Each structure stands twice: as structure tokens, then as C-alpha cells.
Amino acid sequence: MRSFTCPSCGNLLFFENSTCVVCGTAVGYSRADRALLALDGRHRCANAVLAGCNWVTANPDTLCDCCALTRTRPADGDAPEAFVRAEAAKRRLLHQLDDLGLPVGDVAFDLLSSEAEHVITGHASGLITIDLAEGVDSHREAMREQMAEPYRTLLGHFRHEVGHWYWEVLVDRAGGHDRFREVFGDERVDYQEALRKHYAGTPELGWNATHVSTYATSHPWEDWAETFAHLLHIRDTVQTAAAYGVRVTGRDIPPHPLAPVDAEPREQDEEFDQLIDTWLPLSRAVNQLNRSMGKDDLYPFVLSPVVLAKLRLVDSLVVGARP
């Protein structure tokens, strides 16, 4: 995430701010400018109250670009806090996709409450369904423990599910199947049967030597989506650290500065190496900070050479998709 400042007093602001807490200036996020701007004739999104949206629109009583991507939402009064959290995660997702230059195209979202109906988080050629229960901390933590996952977040769900759509865009439509299968395996194996076996069994010992998560072992499509989401985690966190001037120094750490400051990838393969060289000591540092606060590791993952090869392929396809 980039850093944002108040256009009036220069105070540091969060991406989600709608008012400067120092000078009181009303601000809103402009997608076109990728900045928090003073309202000054701009209008708040029509979802400013319902979804806590701080994006601006050119016309009054209209939805911003991000809120307009929600095709279905729960009825008023049904899971309101979870809906606000889901829309906030979606805004972060769209901001990063814009930063990376990835086409949003026909992506749409169904944000549904399992309090009212049976909901399965998933995707279907760009239509992404999110169970709003994932915005409830107690539910998400219970699911994380049930699934034996080290990490589970609402933003992670958005990144994973949109990753399935980018497989269609960056691999399937682009005819990149051979390259994909060389790294991830053959996606033509029966998907439903693969999921059935995954949920019926237990992960093989040593799975983390080849996959970023146990769920990634279920099928090449899920491996791609998990890896895509992981790349977005890494790029966003490194960008945030760079934007706020965070540096990690010490013995055996490369002397180059935190990079890339921009999320926008360049067309040099060396940049991926630099990204990982930055990420590894940074992730160790934040894990140590969490442990100092009595918390579990913020980043409980191991990036093996095989996983790094998968991340490199995803990153190269993201770079190639830039206009």
C-alpha cells in the first residue's frame, strides 16, 4: 500500500480515512489520481454510510468504481459490520490491481451472508462469491483452526478468488498452458475429485517443499490461486514498508534499499529476485516484532525453491499483462 497524506496539512493518513484527524479536512480516495483528495466539489460514493466507503465520484448519489463491482449484497440490516469489512477489503484489492496494471474487466462480486442462506466462497469466470461470515473474527478463526491453516484473512480470500479469474486471463486465454503445466502441473485432472481427495485425507509430509499452503496441494488451479494471492501479499507488504521508510539491516542482508517502492512491476527478471531478497529479511523482522508482543508469527510460511519458481512465473505473467 502506498502512503497517503492530507492535502491540506500534510498529516499522514490511512487509505481508509475520510477525514484528516489533525485539521478536519474531508477527504476521499480518487481512483484516477490514486490519492486522497479534499472533496472540493467531488462527491462521496453513495455507499459512504452503508459500506463505509471513502471513495469519490464525479456525480452525486452514484456508486464509486469499486462499490459498483458488487453485483449482490445482503439486505439492509443483515450482517452490516461484515459487509463493511468486505467492501473495505475489496477496495484494497482494487487499488492493488490498479497499481499492478492488471485488467479488472468483467470481475463482479456477490457478497452474501450465510446468516440468511447457504453460501460457498468461490468463483465462476470472474464472478466472485464471498461469504460475509469471513468478516467475523470468531468465525474466521474457527474456520482457520478447523482447516489447520496458519493464516486466514478476508483480504486473502479476495486475492485468492480473483486469482482464479487471472488464471483464465493470463494463462487460459493467453494460451500459456504448457508453461503453466511445467511449473504447476496439469490442470486437466478432475477438479471435483481432487478436492474430494484433499478434504478426505491429510496433507502429505513435506508438502511445504513444493506448495505455499496445504490447500495449494489439492489441484493446480488452487495452487495457482494460492500462489497468486501470496504474490499480492508480498508485493503489498513490501510496498508499504518502502512507502513508510522501513529498512531491515544486519549481517548477510543485501545492501540495496527496500525495493520496489512502486507496486508497478518492471520488465526485468532481476526485480523478482530483488523483491524476494527484500521480503525474506523483512518477514523475519516482522515475525520477531510479533513475538515481542506475545503474538504468533505474522508470516508463518516457508518459501522453498519450488514455491519461489511458482511465484516467479506468476510475477512474470503479471508483468506481461501490463498495458
C-alpha atoms as a PDB file:
ATOM      1  CA  MET A   1       0.000   0.000   0.000  1.00  0.00           C
ATOM      2  CA  ARG A   2       1.209   3.477  -0.813  1.00  0.00           C
ATOM      3  CA  SER A   3       1.377   6.165   1.863  1.00  0.00           C
ATOM      4  CA  PHE A   4      -1.216   8.963   1.843  1.00  0.00           C
ATOM      5  CA  THR A   5      -1.175  12.478   3.256  1.00  0.00           C
ATOM      6  CA  CYS A   6      -3.746  15.157   3.950  1.00  0.00           C
ATOM      7  CA  PRO A   7      -3.886  17.595   1.003  1.00  0.00           C
ATOM      8  CA  SER A   8      -4.347  20.484   3.436  1.00  0.00           C
ATOM      9  CA  CYS A   9      -1.885  19.937   6.294  1.00  0.00           C
ATOM     10  CA  GLY A  10       0.285  17.047   5.117  1.00  0.00           C
ATOM     11  CA  ASN A  11      -0.660  14.770   8.004  1.00  0.00           C
ATOM     12  CA  LEU A  12      -0.141  11.080   7.344  1.00  0.00           C
ATOM     13  CA  LEU A  13      -3.440   9.352   6.545  1.00  0.00           C
ATOM     14  CA  PHE A  14      -4.616   5.776   6.190  1.00  0.00           C
ATOM     15  CA  PHE A  15      -6.050   4.544   2.903  1.00  0.00           C
ATOM     16  CA  GLU A  16      -9.445   4.241   4.646  1.00  0.00           C
ATOM     17  CA  ASN A  17      -9.559   7.800   6.069  1.00  0.00           C
ATOM     18  CA  SER A  18     -12.466  10.082   5.145  1.00  0.00           C
ATOM     19  CA  THR A  19     -11.387  12.966   7.405  1.00  0.00           C
ATOM     20  CA  CYS A  20      -7.999  14.256   8.471  1.00  0.00           C
ATOM     21  CA  VAL A  21      -7.789  13.734  12.229  1.00  0.00           C
ATOM     22  CA  VAL A  22      -5.483  16.760  12.597  1.00  0.00           C
ATOM     23  CA  CYS A  23      -7.097  19.554  10.582  1.00  0.00           C
ATOM     24  CA  GLY A  24     -10.561  18.091   9.931  1.00  0.00           C
ATOM     25  CA  THR A  25     -10.370  18.292   6.135  1.00  0.00           C
ATOM     26  CA  ALA A  26     -12.906  15.998   4.473  1.00  0.00           C
ATOM     27  CA  VAL A  27     -11.041  13.710   2.078  1.00  0.00           C
ATOM     28  CA  GLY A  28     -11.853  10.889  -0.288  1.00  0.00           C
ATOM     29  CA  TYR A  29      -9.908   8.437  -2.420  1.00  0.00           C
ATOM     30  CA  SER A  30      -9.750   9.247  -6.117  1.00  0.00           C
ATOM     31  CA  ARG A  31      -9.107   6.175  -8.225  1.00  0.00           C
ATOM     32  CA  ALA A  32      -7.976   8.296 -11.165  1.00  0.00           C
ATOM     33  CA  ASP A  33      -5.398  10.129  -9.036  1.00  0.00           C
ATOM     34  CA  ARG A  34      -4.563   7.203  -6.747  1.00  0.00           C
ATOM     35  CA  ALA A  35      -4.583   9.701  -3.899  1.00  0.00           C
ATOM     36  CA  LEU A  36      -6.680  11.008  -1.035  1.00  0.00           C
ATOM     37  CA  LEU A  37      -8.017  14.388  -2.147  1.00  0.00           C
ATOM     38  CA  ALA A  38     -10.062  17.109  -0.493  1.00  0.00           C
ATOM     39  CA  LEU A  39     -13.690  16.794  -1.547  1.00  0.00           C
ATOM     40  CA  ASP A  40     -13.828  20.297  -3.135  1.00  0.00           C
ATOM     41  CA  GLY A  41     -16.749  19.633  -5.468  1.00  0.00           C
ATOM     42  CA  ARG A  42     -16.259  15.912  -5.569  1.00  0.00           C
ATOM     43  CA  HIS A  43     -18.942  13.686  -4.168  1.00  0.00           C
ATOM     44  CA  ARG A  44     -18.817  10.790  -1.766  1.00  0.00           C
ATOM     45  CA  CYS A  45     -19.785   7.354  -3.013  1.00  0.00           C
ATOM     46  CA  ALA A  46     -23.461   6.530  -2.451  1.00  0.00           C
ATOM     47  CA  ASN A  47     -22.218   3.704  -0.188  1.00  0.00           C
ATOM     48  CA  ALA A  48     -20.414   6.110   2.139  1.00  0.00           C
ATOM     49  CA  VAL A  49     -22.702   5.225   5.043  1.00  0.00           C
ATOM     50  CA  LEU A  50     -23.870   1.719   4.162  1.00  0.00           C
ATOM     51  CA  ALA A  51     -20.407   0.342   3.326  1.00  0.00           C
ATOM     52  CA  GLY A  52     -18.155   2.923   4.977  1.00  0.00           C
ATOM     53  CA  CYS A  53     -16.779   3.787   1.536  1.00  0.00           C
ATOM     54  CA  ASN A  54     -14.404   6.759   1.310  1.00  0.00           C
ATOM     55  CA  TRP A  55     -14.028   6.797  -2.490  1.00  0.00           C
ATOM     56  CA  VAL A  56     -15.230   9.781  -4.507  1.00  0.00           C
ATOM     57  CA  THR A  57     -17.403  10.049  -7.602  1.00  0.00           C
ATOM     58  CA  ALA A  58     -17.916  12.756 -10.204  1.00  0.00           C
ATOM     59  CA  ASN A  59     -21.685  12.834  -9.674  1.00  0.00           C
ATOM     60  CA  PRO A  60     -23.816  12.776  -6.525  1.00  0.00           C
ATOM     61  CA  ASP A  61     -25.759   9.695  -5.426  1.00  0.00           C
ATOM     62  CA  THR A  62     -23.710   7.300  -7.549  1.00  0.00           C
ATOM     63  CA  LEU A  63     -21.538   4.346  -6.651  1.00  0.00           C
ATOM     64  CA  CYS A  64     -17.780   4.523  -6.976  1.00  0.00           C
ATOM     65  CA  ASP A  65     -15.987   2.141  -9.332  1.00  0.00           C
ATOM     66  CA  CYS A  66     -15.266  -0.312  -6.527  1.00  0.00           C
ATOM     67  CA  CYS A  67     -18.744  -0.459  -4.980  1.00  0.00           C
ATOM     68  CA  ALA A  68     -20.233  -0.808  -8.478  1.00  0.00           C
ATOM     69  CA  LEU A  69     -18.401  -4.128  -8.822  1.00  0.00           C
ATOM     70  CA  THR A  70     -20.669  -5.636  -6.150  1.00  0.00           C
ATOM     71  CA  ARG A  71     -23.470  -7.359  -8.026  1.00  0.00           C
ATOM     72  CA  THR A  72     -25.295  -8.668  -4.969  1.00  0.00           C
ATOM     73  CA  ARG A  73     -25.165  -7.563  -1.358  1.00  0.00           C
ATOM     74  CA  PRO A  74     -27.103  -8.617   1.743  1.00  0.00           C
ATOM     75  CA  ALA A  75     -30.389  -6.982   2.643  1.00  0.00           C
ATOM     76  CA  ASP A  76     -30.169  -3.842   4.769  1.00  0.00           C
ATOM     77  CA  GLY A  77     -29.558  -4.805   8.381  1.00  0.00           C
ATOM     78  CA  ASP A  78     -28.176  -8.256   7.520  1.00  0.00           C
ATOM     79  CA  ALA A  79     -24.528  -8.633   8.613  1.00  0.00           C
ATOM     80  CA  PRO A  80     -23.818  -4.880   8.342  1.00  0.00           C
ATOM     81  CA  GLU A  81     -20.394  -4.938  10.024  1.00  0.00           C
ATOM     82  CA  ALA A  82     -19.211  -7.886   7.951  1.00  0.00           C
ATOM     83  CA  PHE A  83     -20.399  -6.146   4.770  1.00  0.00           C
ATOM     84  CA  VAL A  84     -18.431  -3.009   5.684  1.00  0.00           C
ATOM     85  CA  ARG A  85     -15.305  -5.121   6.257  1.00  0.00           C
ATOM     86  CA  ALA A  86     -15.756  -6.971   2.971  1.00  0.00           C
ATOM     87  CA  GLU A  87     -16.112  -3.762   0.971  1.00  0.00           C
ATOM     88  CA  ALA A  88     -13.030  -2.340   2.692  1.00  0.00           C
ATOM     89  CA  ALA A  89     -11.023  -5.417   1.692  1.00  0.00           C
ATOM     90  CA  LYS A  90     -12.352  -5.133  -1.858  1.00  0.00           C
ATOM     91  CA  ARG A  91     -11.201  -1.521  -2.077  1.00  0.00           C
ATOM     92  CA  ARG A  92      -7.692  -2.569  -1.061  1.00  0.00           C
ATOM     93  CA  LEU A  93      -7.791  -5.321  -3.661  1.00  0.00           C
ATOM     94  CA  LEU A  94      -8.865  -2.980  -6.470  1.00  0.00           C
ATOM     95  CA  HIS A  95      -6.266  -0.399  -5.502  1.00  0.00           C
ATOM     96  CA  GLN A  96      -3.529  -3.010  -5.777  1.00  0.00           C
ATOM     97  CA  LEU A  97      -4.827  -4.427  -9.059  1.00  0.00           C
ATOM     98  CA  ASP A  98      -4.751  -0.878 -10.458  1.00  0.00           C
ATOM     99  CA  ASP A  99      -1.213  -0.420  -9.150  1.00  0.00           C
ATOM    100  CA  LEU A 100      -0.111  -3.629 -10.812  1.00  0.00           C
ATOM    101  CA  GLY A 101      -1.753  -2.648 -14.087  1.00  0.00           C
ATOM    102  CA  LEU A 102      -3.929  -5.767 -14.151  1.00  0.00           C
ATOM    103  CA  PRO A 103      -7.159  -5.507 -16.161  1.00  0.00           C
ATOM    104  CA  VAL A 104     -10.263  -5.666 -13.986  1.00  0.00           C
ATOM    105  CA  GLY A 105     -12.519  -6.419 -16.942  1.00  0.00           C
ATOM    106  CA  ASP A 106     -15.736  -8.212 -16.109  1.00  0.00           C
ATOM    107  CA  VAL A 107     -14.969  -9.024 -12.483  1.00  0.00           C
ATOM    108  CA  ALA A 108     -18.047  -8.826 -10.248  1.00  0.00           C
ATOM    109  CA  PHE A 109     -18.767  -9.765  -6.649  1.00  0.00           C
ATOM    110  CA  ASP A 110     -21.609 -11.411  -4.773  1.00  0.00           C
ATOM    111  CA  LEU A 111     -21.202 -10.541  -1.096  1.00  0.00           C
ATOM    112  CA  LEU A 112     -23.647 -12.823   0.690  1.00  0.00           C
ATOM    113  CA  SER A 113     -24.454 -13.541   4.301  1.00  0.00           C
ATOM    114  CA  SER A 114     -24.576 -17.149   5.411  1.00  0.00           C
ATOM    115  CA  GLU A 115     -26.805 -15.982   8.249  1.00  0.00           C
ATOM    116  CA  ALA A 116     -29.627 -15.896   5.699  1.00  0.00           C
ATOM    117  CA  GLU A 117     -28.627 -18.616   3.223  1.00  0.00           C
ATOM    118  CA  HIS A 118     -26.028 -21.261   2.467  1.00  0.00           C
ATOM    119  CA  VAL A 119     -23.012 -19.515   0.945  1.00  0.00           C
ATOM    120  CA  ILE A 120     -19.854 -21.016  -0.529  1.00  0.00           C
ATOM    121  CA  THR A 121     -16.941 -18.693  -1.175  1.00  0.00           C
ATOM    122  CA  GLY A 122     -15.790 -19.301  -4.735  1.00  0.00           C
ATOM    123  CA  HIS A 123     -15.524 -18.057  -8.296  1.00  0.00           C
ATOM    124  CA  ALA A 124     -17.080 -18.588 -11.718  1.00  0.00           C
ATOM    125  CA  SER A 125     -15.308 -16.877 -14.633  1.00  0.00           C
ATOM    126  CA  GLY A 126     -14.950 -13.532 -12.930  1.00  0.00           C
ATOM    127  CA  LEU A 127     -17.959 -13.709 -10.617  1.00  0.00           C
ATOM    128  CA  ILE A 128     -16.565 -13.954  -7.114  1.00  0.00           C
ATOM    129  CA  THR A 129     -18.719 -15.018  -4.183  1.00  0.00           C
ATOM    130  CA  ILE A 130     -17.622 -14.148  -0.650  1.00  0.00           C
ATOM    131  CA  ASP A 131     -19.296 -15.426   2.493  1.00  0.00           C
ATOM    132  CA  LEU A 132     -19.548 -12.357   4.722  1.00  0.00           C
ATOM    133  CA  ALA A 133     -19.093 -14.585   7.749  1.00  0.00           C
ATOM    134  CA  GLU A 134     -15.382 -14.407   6.849  1.00  0.00           C
ATOM    135  CA  GLY A 135     -15.573 -10.808   8.068  1.00  0.00           C
ATOM    136  CA  VAL A 136     -16.462 -12.027  11.574  1.00  0.00           C
ATOM    137  CA  ASP A 137     -13.273 -12.679  13.521  1.00  0.00           C
ATOM    138  CA  SER A 138     -14.640 -15.531  15.643  1.00  0.00           C
ATOM    139  CA  HIS A 139     -16.000 -17.403  12.601  1.00  0.00           C
ATOM    140  CA  ARG A 140     -12.844 -16.912  10.561  1.00  0.00           C
ATOM    141  CA  GLU A 141     -10.614 -18.054  13.416  1.00  0.00           C
ATOM    142  CA  ALA A 142     -12.775 -21.133  13.980  1.00  0.00           C
ATOM    143  CA  MET A 143     -12.526 -21.969  10.281  1.00  0.00           C
ATOM    144  CA  ARG A 144      -8.774 -21.410  10.331  1.00  0.00           C
ATOM    145  CA  GLU A 145      -8.370 -23.894  13.170  1.00  0.00           C
ATOM    146  CA  GLN A 146     -10.771 -26.391  11.581  1.00  0.00           C
ATOM    147  CA  MET A 147      -8.832 -26.262   8.310  1.00  0.00           C
ATOM    148  CA  ALA A 148      -5.460 -26.316  10.115  1.00  0.00           C
ATOM    149  CA  GLU A 149      -4.416 -23.135   8.332  1.00  0.00           C
ATOM    150  CA  PRO A 150      -1.612 -20.920   9.657  1.00  0.00           C
ATOM    151  CA  TYR A 151      -3.160 -17.831   8.093  1.00  0.00           C
ATOM    152  CA  ARG A 152      -6.682 -16.787   7.050  1.00  0.00           C
ATOM    153  CA  THR A 153      -7.854 -13.238   6.266  1.00  0.00           C
ATOM    154  CA  LEU A 154     -10.745 -11.621   4.450  1.00  0.00           C
ATOM    155  CA  LEU A 155      -8.384  -9.799   2.092  1.00  0.00           C
ATOM    156  CA  GLY A 156      -6.665 -13.114   1.432  1.00  0.00           C
ATOM    157  CA  HIS A 157      -9.983 -14.604   0.288  1.00  0.00           C
ATOM    158  CA  PHE A 158     -10.464 -11.770  -2.191  1.00  0.00           C
ATOM    159  CA  ARG A 159      -6.940 -12.169  -3.524  1.00  0.00           C
ATOM    160  CA  HIS A 160      -7.289 -15.939  -3.840  1.00  0.00           C
ATOM    161  CA  GLU A 161     -10.628 -15.868  -5.625  1.00  0.00           C
ATOM    162  CA  VAL A 162      -9.667 -13.108  -8.039  1.00  0.00           C
ATOM    163  CA  GLY A 163      -6.531 -15.153  -8.718  1.00  0.00           C
ATOM    164  CA  HIS A 164      -8.728 -17.823 -10.307  1.00  0.00           C
ATOM    165  CA  TRP A 165     -10.031 -15.233 -12.748  1.00  0.00           C
ATOM    166  CA  TYR A 166      -6.497 -14.127 -13.585  1.00  0.00           C
ATOM    167  CA  TRP A 167      -5.632 -17.738 -14.385  1.00  0.00           C
ATOM    168  CA  GLU A 168      -8.269 -17.507 -17.118  1.00  0.00           C
ATOM    169  CA  VAL A 169      -6.891 -14.163 -18.301  1.00  0.00           C
ATOM    170  CA  LEU A 170      -3.133 -14.711 -18.020  1.00  0.00           C
ATOM    171  CA  VAL A 171      -2.898 -18.441 -18.759  1.00  0.00           C
ATOM    172  CA  ASP A 172      -6.004 -19.881 -20.374  1.00  0.00           C
ATOM    173  CA  ARG A 173      -6.926 -17.071 -22.779  1.00  0.00           C
ATOM    174  CA  ALA A 174      -3.257 -16.341 -23.477  1.00  0.00           C
ATOM    175  CA  GLY A 175      -2.526 -19.947 -24.418  1.00  0.00           C
ATOM    176  CA  GLY A 176       0.106 -20.331 -21.720  1.00  0.00           C
ATOM    177  CA  HIS A 177      -0.879 -23.851 -20.713  1.00  0.00           C
ATOM    178  CA  ASP A 178       2.446 -25.558 -21.454  1.00  0.00           C
ATOM    179  CA  ARG A 179       4.412 -23.104 -19.355  1.00  0.00           C
ATOM    180  CA  PHE A 180       1.847 -23.329 -16.567  1.00  0.00           C
ATOM    181  CA  ARG A 181       1.813 -27.141 -16.525  1.00  0.00           C
ATOM    182  CA  GLU A 182       5.586 -27.300 -16.418  1.00  0.00           C
ATOM    183  CA  VAL A 183       5.566 -25.423 -13.108  1.00  0.00           C
ATOM    184  CA  PHE A 184       2.164 -26.105 -11.509  1.00  0.00           C
ATOM    185  CA  GLY A 185       1.122 -29.420 -13.029  1.00  0.00           C
ATOM    186  CA  ASP A 186      -1.720 -30.468 -15.328  1.00  0.00           C
ATOM    187  CA  GLU A 187      -4.942 -28.620 -14.538  1.00  0.00           C
ATOM    188  CA  ARG A 188      -6.923 -31.064 -16.679  1.00  0.00           C
ATOM    189  CA  VAL A 189      -7.092 -33.595 -13.841  1.00  0.00           C
ATOM    190  CA  ASP A 190     -10.605 -33.872 -12.403  1.00  0.00           C
ATOM    191  CA  TYR A 191     -11.091 -30.828 -10.183  1.00  0.00           C
ATOM    192  CA  GLN A 192     -14.004 -32.069  -8.069  1.00  0.00           C
ATOM    193  CA  GLU A 193     -12.343 -35.433  -7.471  1.00  0.00           C
ATOM    194  CA  ALA A 194      -9.125 -33.686  -6.492  1.00  0.00           C
ATOM    195  CA  LEU A 195     -10.964 -31.555  -3.931  1.00  0.00           C
ATOM    196  CA  ARG A 196     -12.792 -34.616  -2.587  1.00  0.00           C
ATOM    197  CA  LYS A 197      -9.499 -36.418  -2.016  1.00  0.00           C
ATOM    198  CA  HIS A 198      -7.990 -33.322  -0.428  1.00  0.00           C
ATOM    199  CA  TYR A 199     -10.754 -32.890   2.124  1.00  0.00           C
ATOM    200  CA  ALA A 200     -10.976 -36.629   2.800  1.00  0.00           C
ATOM    201  CA  GLY A 201      -7.285 -37.078   3.531  1.00  0.00           C
ATOM    202  CA  THR A 202      -4.406 -35.385   5.263  1.00  0.00           C
ATOM    203  CA  PRO A 203      -1.559 -33.417   3.656  1.00  0.00           C
ATOM    204  CA  GLU A 204       1.481 -35.461   2.724  1.00  0.00           C
ATOM    205  CA  LEU A 205       4.590 -34.947   4.806  1.00  0.00           C
ATOM    206  CA  GLY A 206       6.877 -32.380   3.232  1.00  0.00           C
ATOM    207  CA  TRP A 207       4.109 -30.594   1.332  1.00  0.00           C
ATOM    208  CA  ASN A 208       5.726 -27.222   2.086  1.00  0.00           C
ATOM    209  CA  ALA A 209       8.720 -28.180  -0.055  1.00  0.00           C
ATOM    210  CA  THR A 210       6.532 -27.790  -3.141  1.00  0.00           C
ATOM    211  CA  HIS A 211       3.488 -25.705  -2.170  1.00  0.00           C
ATOM    212  CA  VAL A 212       2.799 -22.480  -0.327  1.00  0.00           C
ATOM    213  CA  SER A 213      -0.144 -23.986   1.608  1.00  0.00           C
ATOM    214  CA  THR A 214      -1.845 -27.335   2.153  1.00  0.00           C
ATOM    215  CA  TYR A 215      -4.834 -26.162   0.095  1.00  0.00           C
ATOM    216  CA  ALA A 216      -2.473 -25.483  -2.800  1.00  0.00           C
ATOM    217  CA  THR A 217      -1.724 -29.212  -2.928  1.00  0.00           C
ATOM    218  CA  SER A 218      -5.327 -30.061  -3.862  1.00  0.00           C
ATOM    219  CA  HIS A 219      -5.235 -29.093  -7.556  1.00  0.00           C
ATOM    220  CA  PRO A 220      -3.080 -26.947  -9.907  1.00  0.00           C
ATOM    221  CA  TRP A 221      -5.858 -24.341 -10.108  1.00  0.00           C
ATOM    222  CA  GLU A 222      -5.837 -23.937  -6.332  1.00  0.00           C
ATOM    223  CA  ASP A 223      -2.050 -23.936  -6.326  1.00  0.00           C
ATOM    224  CA  TRP A 224      -2.111 -21.042  -8.800  1.00  0.00           C
ATOM    225  CA  ALA A 225      -4.728 -19.093  -6.806  1.00  0.00           C
ATOM    226  CA  GLU A 226      -2.862 -19.573  -3.531  1.00  0.00           C
ATOM    227  CA  THR A 227       0.413 -18.535  -5.180  1.00  0.00           C
ATOM    228  CA  PHE A 228      -1.204 -15.526  -6.886  1.00  0.00           C
ATOM    229  CA  ALA A 229      -2.651 -14.355  -3.573  1.00  0.00           C
ATOM    230  CA  HIS A 230       0.715 -14.881  -1.909  1.00  0.00           C
ATOM    231  CA  LEU A 231       2.464 -12.740  -4.501  1.00  0.00           C
ATOM    232  CA  LEU A 232      -0.037  -9.960  -3.813  1.00  0.00           C
ATOM    233  CA  HIS A 233       0.591 -10.322  -0.071  1.00  0.00           C
ATOM    234  CA  ILE A 234       4.328  -9.941  -0.615  1.00  0.00           C
ATOM    235  CA  ARG A 235       4.156  -7.063  -3.078  1.00  0.00           C
ATOM    236  CA  ASP A 236       1.682  -5.090  -0.966  1.00  0.00           C
ATOM    237  CA  THR A 237       3.652  -5.532   2.250  1.00  0.00           C
ATOM    238  CA  VAL A 238       6.983  -4.655   0.650  1.00  0.00           C
ATOM    239  CA  GLN A 239       5.423  -1.588  -0.959  1.00  0.00           C
ATOM    240  CA  THR A 240       4.011  -0.493   2.405  1.00  0.00           C
ATOM    241  CA  ALA A 241       7.365  -0.958   4.122  1.00  0.00           C
ATOM    242  CA  ALA A 242       9.095   1.062   1.418  1.00  0.00           C
ATOM    243  CA  ALA A 243       6.452   3.794   1.478  1.00  0.00           C
ATOM    244  CA  TYR A 244       6.978   4.250   5.213  1.00  0.00           C
ATOM    245  CA  GLY A 245      10.759   4.043   5.038  1.00  0.00           C
ATOM    246  CA  VAL A 246      11.122   0.718   6.817  1.00  0.00           C
ATOM    247  CA  ARG A 247      14.592  -0.778   6.379  1.00  0.00           C
ATOM    248  CA  VAL A 248      15.963  -4.050   7.703  1.00  0.00           C
ATOM    249  CA  THR A 249      19.717  -4.150   8.151  1.00  0.00           C
ATOM    250  CA  GLY A 250      22.100  -6.708   9.547  1.00  0.00           C
ATOM    251  CA  ARG A 251      24.721  -9.234   8.673  1.00  0.00           C
ATOM    252  CA  ASP A 252      24.252 -11.056   5.355  1.00  0.00           C
ATOM    253  CA  ILE A 253      21.383  -8.770   4.253  1.00  0.00           C
ATOM    254  CA  PRO A 254      21.946  -7.311   0.743  1.00  0.00           C
ATOM    255  CA  PRO A 255      22.936  -3.640   0.906  1.00  0.00           C
ATOM    256  CA  HIS A 256      20.396  -2.399  -1.639  1.00  0.00           C
ATOM    257  CA  PRO A 257      17.449  -0.291  -0.353  1.00  0.00           C
ATOM    258  CA  LEU A 258      13.944  -1.629   0.046  1.00  0.00           C
ATOM    259  CA  ALA A 259      12.525  -2.143  -3.423  1.00  0.00           C
ATOM    260  CA  PRO A 260      10.379  -1.937  -5.380  1.00  0.00           C
ATOM    261  CA  VAL A 261       8.827   1.160  -3.825  1.00  0.00           C
ATOM    262  CA  ASP A 262       6.155   1.092  -6.520  1.00  0.00           C
ATOM    263  CA  ALA A 263       3.930  -1.944  -6.842  1.00  0.00           C
ATOM    264  CA  GLU A 264       4.189  -1.438 -10.590  1.00  0.00           C
ATOM    265  CA  PRO A 265       6.476  -4.244 -11.814  1.00  0.00           C
ATOM    266  CA  ARG A 266       9.201  -3.559 -14.294  1.00  0.00           C
ATOM    267  CA  GLU A 267      10.114  -5.883 -17.104  1.00  0.00           C
ATOM    268  CA  GLN A 268      13.364  -7.135 -15.608  1.00  0.00           C
ATOM    269  CA  ASP A 269      13.538 -10.600 -14.156  1.00  0.00           C
ATOM    270  CA  GLU A 270      16.055  -9.293 -11.654  1.00  0.00           C
ATOM    271  CA  GLU A 271      13.307  -7.316  -9.964  1.00  0.00           C
ATOM    272  CA  PHE A 272      11.697 -10.517  -8.698  1.00  0.00           C
ATOM    273  CA  ASP A 273      14.999 -11.552  -7.132  1.00  0.00           C
ATOM    274  CA  GLN A 274      15.258  -8.130  -5.517  1.00  0.00           C
ATOM    275  CA  LEU A 275      11.673  -8.373  -4.276  1.00  0.00           C
ATOM    276  CA  ILE A 276      12.368 -11.708  -2.576  1.00  0.00           C
ATOM    277  CA  ASP A 277      15.747 -10.520  -1.236  1.00  0.00           C
ATOM    278  CA  THR A 278      13.838  -7.671   0.388  1.00  0.00           C
ATOM    279  CA  TRP A 279      10.909  -9.754   1.564  1.00  0.00           C
ATOM    280  CA  LEU A 280      12.789 -12.514   3.366  1.00  0.00           C
ATOM    281  CA  PRO A 281      14.625 -10.326   5.930  1.00  0.00           C
ATOM    282  CA  LEU A 282      11.556  -8.082   6.247  1.00  0.00           C
ATOM    283  CA  SER A 283       9.295 -11.049   7.018  1.00  0.00           C
ATOM    284  CA  ARG A 284      11.752 -12.326   9.609  1.00  0.00           C
ATOM    285  CA  ALA A 285      11.842  -8.889  11.215  1.00  0.00           C
ATOM    286  CA  VAL A 286       8.060  -8.565  11.465  1.00  0.00           C
ATOM    287  CA  ASN A 287       7.864 -12.089  12.892  1.00  0.00           C
ATOM    288  CA  GLN A 288      10.302 -11.047  15.598  1.00  0.00           C
ATOM    289  CA  LEU A 289       8.222  -7.925  16.284  1.00  0.00           C
ATOM    290  CA  ASN A 290       5.095 -10.050  16.659  1.00  0.00           C
ATOM    291  CA  ARG A 291       6.874 -12.420  19.033  1.00  0.00           C
ATOM    292  CA  SER A 292       7.985  -9.432  21.107  1.00  0.00           C
ATOM    293  CA  MET A 293       4.293  -8.562  21.520  1.00  0.00           C
ATOM    294  CA  GLY A 294       3.440 -12.133  22.523  1.00  0.00           C
ATOM    295  CA  LYS A 295       1.745 -12.838  19.189  1.00  0.00           C
ATOM    296  CA  ASP A 296       2.237 -15.631  16.680  1.00  0.00           C
ATOM    297  CA  ASP A 297       4.355 -15.060  13.576  1.00  0.00           C
ATOM    298  CA  LEU A 298       2.787 -12.606  11.165  1.00  0.00           C
ATOM    299  CA  TYR A 299       4.245 -14.583   8.263  1.00  0.00           C
ATOM    300  CA  PRO A 300       4.142 -18.322   9.060  1.00  0.00           C
ATOM    301  CA  PHE A 301       5.336 -19.559   5.677  1.00  0.00           C
ATOM    302  CA  VAL A 302       8.439 -21.086   4.102  1.00  0.00           C
ATOM    303  CA  LEU A 303       9.365 -20.185   0.528  1.00  0.00           C
ATOM    304  CA  SER A 304      11.105 -23.236  -0.895  1.00  0.00           C
ATOM    305  CA  PRO A 305      12.889 -23.134  -4.281  1.00  0.00           C
ATOM    306  CA  VAL A 306       9.880 -24.823  -5.908  1.00  0.00           C
ATOM    307  CA  VAL A 307       7.465 -22.282  -4.412  1.00  0.00           C
ATOM    308  CA  LEU A 308       9.750 -19.449  -5.499  1.00  0.00           C
ATOM    309  CA  ALA A 309       9.666 -20.806  -9.061  1.00  0.00           C
ATOM    310  CA  LYS A 310       5.873 -20.701  -8.962  1.00  0.00           C
ATOM    311  CA  LEU A 311       5.878 -17.159  -7.596  1.00  0.00           C
ATOM    312  CA  ARG A 312       8.331 -16.146 -10.318  1.00  0.00           C
ATOM    313  CA  LEU A 313       6.048 -17.488 -13.045  1.00  0.00           C
ATOM    314  CA  VAL A 314       3.004 -15.692 -11.646  1.00  0.00           C
ATOM    315  CA  ASP A 315       5.009 -12.486 -11.316  1.00  0.00           C
ATOM    316  CA  SER A 316       6.280 -12.721 -14.888  1.00  0.00           C
ATOM    317  CA  LEU A 317       2.727 -13.120 -16.200  1.00  0.00           C
ATOM    318  CA  VAL A 318       1.573 -10.152 -14.135  1.00  0.00           C
ATOM    319  CA  VAL A 319       4.391  -8.083 -15.644  1.00  0.00           C
ATOM    320  CA  GLY A 320       3.436  -9.246 -19.133  1.00  0.00           C
ATOM    321  CA  ALA A 321      -0.179  -8.195 -18.630  1.00  0.00           C
ATOM    322  CA  ARG A 322       0.657  -4.524 -18.149  1.00  0.00           C
ATOM    323  CA  PRO A 323      -0.687  -2.321 -20.930  1.00  0.00           C
END
